[in-house]
């Protein structure tokens, strides 16, 4: 004899034949637990139900953490591959003019930046027609410009990599795109003993592409390679 006359015996038979299907369905289990608590009345505290709720909340937090760790790992791997591709492209050039063209073109595209400028300090900046032709990627400035630009006049040593958002335009560096650049990465270049420092500035229209909260390990590695490449060209 059925213990629940009038109920759908088909549902009961399916549950009895495959109880694991019910146990694995979280929505069904929540509904059963809620019905059980309701049948006990409001004066009964179900410690088992409370414990299950806490375990479910903890499991949800663990799953979120797991997803975030995996996403961060994929982002880091993608960033590493991106930097490696940019470095390999940068090292392909056989002439300095070709190197600068690659920086402005393929390297900037691989790094997904909207502008890229290489700044070299010189004690005697010359008005060279060849340099004027390269102004879309190369700027020659007075000594001290690199440190002043990175620190923005603050009294502290410039870091190798500085990431920040921009609120003002810098037409000298970004040219016609200055109105649209909202974040930048400043890579300070040590060009060797006896040489003034250099600077590579990566500009992005996205204000969140470069922010002070981001890690700089990959860009520091890229900067180290660029320093060595530049020393070869300047030598």
Protein backbone atom coordinates (compact mmCIF):
# COMPACT_ATOMS: atom_id res chain seq x y z
CA UNK A 1 0.00 0.00 0.00
CA UNK A 2 1.26 3.45 -0.87
CA UNK A 3 2.19 5.66 2.09
CA UNK A 4 0.99 8.73 0.11
CA UNK A 5 -2.30 7.86 -1.49
CA UNK A 6 -3.45 10.22 -4.18
CA UNK A 7 0.09 11.31 -5.08
CA UNK A 8 1.68 10.74 -8.47
CA UNK A 9 3.03 7.19 -8.13
CA UNK A 10 5.06 7.69 -11.31
CA UNK A 11 7.18 10.40 -9.64
CA UNK A 12 7.59 8.24 -6.55
CA UNK A 13 8.68 5.25 -8.62
CA UNK A 14 11.23 7.34 -10.54
CA UNK A 15 12.71 8.71 -7.31
CA UNK A 16 12.94 5.23 -5.77
CA UNK A 17 14.56 3.84 -8.90
CA UNK A 18 17.13 6.63 -9.21
CA UNK A 19 17.56 8.54 -5.91
CA UNK A 20 20.95 9.93 -6.96
CA UNK A 21 19.23 12.08 -9.59
CA UNK A 22 17.44 13.90 -6.76
CA UNK A 23 20.56 14.21 -4.59
CA UNK A 24 22.55 15.76 -7.46
CA UNK A 25 19.91 18.36 -8.26
CA UNK A 26 20.56 21.33 -5.94
CA UNK A 27 17.23 23.03 -6.68
CA UNK A 28 15.24 19.89 -5.84
CA UNK A 29 17.21 19.35 -2.62
CA UNK A 30 16.64 22.95 -1.53
CA UNK A 31 12.90 22.56 -2.14
CA UNK A 32 12.79 19.31 -0.11
CA UNK A 33 14.74 20.85 2.78
CA UNK A 34 12.50 23.94 2.77
CA UNK A 35 9.40 21.71 2.85
CA UNK A 36 10.87 19.69 5.70
CA UNK A 37 11.60 22.85 7.75
CA UNK A 38 8.10 24.15 7.09
CA UNK A 39 6.55 20.88 8.30
CA UNK A 40 8.55 21.08 11.58
CA UNK A 41 7.10 24.45 12.48
CA UNK A 42 8.73 27.77 13.35
CA UNK A 43 9.76 26.72 16.88
CA UNK A 44 12.23 24.08 15.69
CA UNK A 45 15.78 25.02 14.75
CA UNK A 46 17.18 22.67 12.12
CA UNK A 47 20.92 22.64 12.80
CA UNK A 48 21.52 20.27 9.93
CA UNK A 49 19.85 22.69 7.51
CA UNK A 50 21.92 25.59 8.83
CA UNK A 51 25.09 23.54 8.44
CA UNK A 52 24.16 22.65 4.87
CA UNK A 53 23.53 26.30 4.01
CA UNK A 54 26.93 27.25 5.36
CA UNK A 55 28.61 24.45 3.44
CA UNK A 56 26.85 25.52 0.25
CA UNK A 57 27.99 29.12 0.75
CA UNK A 58 31.55 27.94 1.36
CA UNK A 59 31.44 25.75 -1.75
CA UNK A 60 30.19 28.69 -3.83
CA UNK A 61 33.08 30.84 -2.56
CA UNK A 62 35.58 28.08 -3.37
CA UNK A 63 34.18 27.73 -6.88
CA UNK A 64 34.41 31.49 -7.43
CA UNK A 65 38.02 31.49 -6.21
CA UNK A 66 38.82 28.54 -8.45
CA UNK A 67 37.38 30.32 -11.49
CA UNK A 68 39.26 33.53 -10.65
CA UNK A 69 42.57 31.67 -10.28
CA UNK A 70 42.09 29.92 -13.62
CA UNK A 71 41.15 33.20 -15.32
CA UNK A 72 44.21 34.93 -13.86
CA UNK A 73 46.45 32.08 -15.03
CA UNK A 74 45.07 32.32 -18.57
CA UNK A 75 45.51 36.12 -18.57
CA UNK A 76 49.10 35.78 -17.38
CA UNK A 77 49.85 33.17 -20.05
CA UNK A 78 48.29 35.35 -22.74
CA UNK A 79 50.30 38.35 -21.53
CA UNK A 80 53.53 36.34 -21.55
CA UNK A 81 52.91 35.14 -25.12
CA UNK A 82 52.12 38.71 -26.17
CA UNK A 83 55.40 40.07 -24.76
CA UNK A 84 57.39 37.22 -26.32
CA UNK A 85 55.86 37.89 -29.74
CA UNK A 86 56.61 41.61 -29.45
CA UNK A 87 60.23 40.91 -28.50
CA UNK A 88 60.77 38.50 -31.38
CA UNK A 89 59.34 41.02 -33.83
CA UNK A 90 61.48 43.80 -32.37
CA UNK A 91 64.64 41.74 -32.87
CA UNK A 92 63.99 41.04 -36.55
CA UNK A 93 65.21 44.43 -37.82
CA UNK A 94 68.56 44.72 -39.58
CA UNK A 95 68.60 48.55 -39.81
CA UNK A 96 67.76 51.19 -37.21
CA UNK A 97 65.09 52.79 -39.40
CA UNK A 98 63.47 49.40 -39.85
CA UNK A 99 63.64 48.83 -36.10
CA UNK A 100 61.77 52.11 -35.46
CA UNK A 101 59.20 51.24 -38.12
CA UNK A 102 58.64 47.86 -36.48
CA UNK A 103 58.19 49.53 -33.09
CA UNK A 104 55.53 51.86 -34.45
CA UNK A 105 53.83 49.16 -36.50
CA UNK A 106 53.89 45.47 -35.62
CA UNK A 107 55.21 45.80 -32.06
CA UNK A 108 52.56 48.40 -31.16
CA UNK A 109 49.88 46.19 -32.73
CA UNK A 110 51.03 43.12 -30.82
CA UNK A 111 51.03 45.08 -27.55
CA UNK A 112 47.58 46.46 -28.46
CA UNK A 113 48.46 50.09 -27.81
CA UNK A 114 47.22 53.09 -29.75
CA UNK A 115 50.48 55.06 -29.73
CA UNK A 116 54.14 54.27 -29.13
CA UNK A 117 56.94 56.81 -28.75
CA UNK A 118 60.67 56.30 -28.19
CA UNK A 119 62.37 59.22 -26.43
CA UNK A 120 66.14 59.76 -26.45
CA UNK A 121 67.86 62.49 -24.48
CA UNK A 122 70.70 64.42 -26.10
CA UNK A 123 72.92 67.24 -24.81
CA UNK A 124 72.81 68.75 -28.32
CA UNK A 125 69.46 68.03 -29.97
CA UNK A 126 69.93 68.58 -33.67
CA UNK A 127 67.32 69.70 -36.18
CA UNK A 128 68.14 66.80 -38.45
CA UNK A 129 65.82 66.23 -41.46
CA UNK A 130 66.21 62.47 -40.91
CA UNK A 131 64.97 62.85 -37.33
CA UNK A 132 62.03 64.96 -38.48
CA UNK A 133 60.96 62.08 -40.71
CA UNK A 134 60.95 59.79 -37.67
CA UNK A 135 58.99 62.08 -35.34
CA UNK A 136 55.95 59.82 -35.45
CA UNK A 137 57.93 57.30 -33.38
CA UNK A 138 61.16 59.01 -32.17
CA UNK A 139 61.58 62.14 -30.05
CA UNK A 140 64.96 63.70 -29.13
CA UNK A 141 64.79 65.86 -26.01
CA UNK A 142 66.95 67.84 -23.60
CA UNK A 143 68.70 66.00 -20.73
CA UNK A 144 66.45 65.46 -17.73
CA UNK A 145 63.24 65.08 -19.70
CA UNK A 146 62.86 61.34 -19.00
CA UNK A 147 63.06 61.64 -15.21
CA UNK A 148 60.80 64.71 -15.14
CA UNK A 149 58.18 63.07 -17.33
CA UNK A 150 58.09 59.83 -15.33
CA UNK A 151 58.02 61.48 -11.89
CA UNK A 152 55.92 64.47 -13.03
CA UNK A 153 58.21 66.77 -11.05
CA UNK A 154 58.04 64.77 -7.81
CA UNK A 155 61.23 64.33 -5.83
CA UNK A 156 61.78 60.57 -6.07
CA UNK A 157 63.82 58.30 -8.36
CA UNK A 158 61.99 57.23 -11.53
CA UNK A 159 60.92 53.60 -11.62
CA UNK A 160 61.77 51.33 -14.52
CA UNK A 161 58.07 50.83 -15.31
CA UNK A 162 55.35 53.36 -14.47
CA UNK A 163 51.69 52.72 -15.26
CA UNK A 164 49.12 55.48 -14.89
CA UNK A 165 45.95 57.06 -16.18
CA UNK A 166 46.04 60.44 -17.92
CA UNK A 167 43.83 63.48 -17.52
CA UNK A 168 45.74 65.95 -19.69
CA UNK A 169 46.88 65.81 -23.31
CA UNK A 170 50.54 65.56 -24.30
CA UNK A 171 50.78 66.54 -27.94
CA UNK A 172 54.57 66.47 -27.91
CA UNK A 173 54.56 62.71 -27.32
CA UNK A 174 51.24 61.55 -28.71
CA UNK A 175 50.77 63.95 -31.61
CA UNK A 176 47.32 64.05 -33.18
CA UNK A 177 46.07 61.28 -30.89
CA UNK A 178 46.86 63.24 -27.72
CA UNK A 179 43.19 64.11 -27.11
CA UNK A 180 42.25 60.43 -26.97
CA UNK A 181 45.05 58.86 -24.89
CA UNK A 182 43.82 58.11 -21.38
CA UNK A 183 46.44 55.74 -19.95
CA UNK A 184 50.12 55.11 -20.52
CA UNK A 185 53.04 52.84 -19.65
CA UNK A 186 56.39 54.62 -19.25
CA UNK A 187 59.39 52.29 -19.68
CA UNK A 188 62.65 53.90 -18.58
CA UNK A 189 65.64 52.68 -20.61
CA UNK A 190 69.15 52.38 -19.22
CA UNK A 191 71.26 52.73 -22.35
CA UNK A 192 74.60 51.98 -20.72
CA UNK A 193 77.47 53.76 -19.00
CA UNK A 194 78.16 57.23 -20.31
CA UNK A 195 74.81 57.51 -22.10
CA UNK A 196 71.74 59.51 -21.18
CA UNK A 197 68.59 57.49 -20.41
CA UNK A 198 65.81 56.77 -22.87
CA UNK A 199 62.09 56.25 -22.56
CA UNK A 200 59.47 54.19 -24.34
CA UNK A 201 55.92 55.44 -23.85
CA UNK A 202 52.95 53.20 -24.67
CA UNK A 203 49.66 55.07 -24.88
CA UNK A 204 46.14 53.66 -24.87
CA UNK A 205 42.71 55.16 -25.38
CA UNK A 206 41.32 52.76 -22.77
CA UNK A 207 41.76 54.43 -19.34
CA UNK A 208 41.96 50.99 -17.70
CA UNK A 209 44.61 49.44 -19.94
CA UNK A 210 47.44 50.82 -17.77
CA UNK A 211 46.76 51.50 -14.09
CA UNK A 212 49.06 51.64 -11.04
CA UNK A 213 47.40 48.54 -9.54
CA UNK A 214 48.59 46.26 -12.36
CA UNK A 215 51.68 44.07 -12.19
CA UNK A 216 54.76 45.20 -14.11
CA UNK A 217 56.88 42.02 -14.31
CA UNK A 218 56.23 41.35 -18.00
CA UNK A 219 56.78 44.98 -19.01
CA UNK A 220 59.97 45.05 -16.93
CA UNK A 221 61.22 42.03 -18.89
CA UNK A 222 60.28 43.72 -22.17
CA UNK A 223 62.14 46.86 -21.02
CA UNK A 224 65.27 44.85 -20.23
CA UNK A 225 65.30 43.35 -23.73
CA UNK A 226 64.64 46.73 -25.35
CA UNK A 227 67.56 48.25 -23.42
CA UNK A 228 69.93 45.63 -24.80
CA UNK A 229 68.63 46.07 -28.33
CA UNK A 230 69.00 49.85 -28.10
CA UNK A 231 72.58 49.54 -26.78
CA UNK A 232 73.40 47.47 -29.85
CA UNK A 233 72.00 50.10 -32.20
CA UNK A 234 73.64 53.02 -30.37
CA UNK A 235 76.93 51.18 -30.21
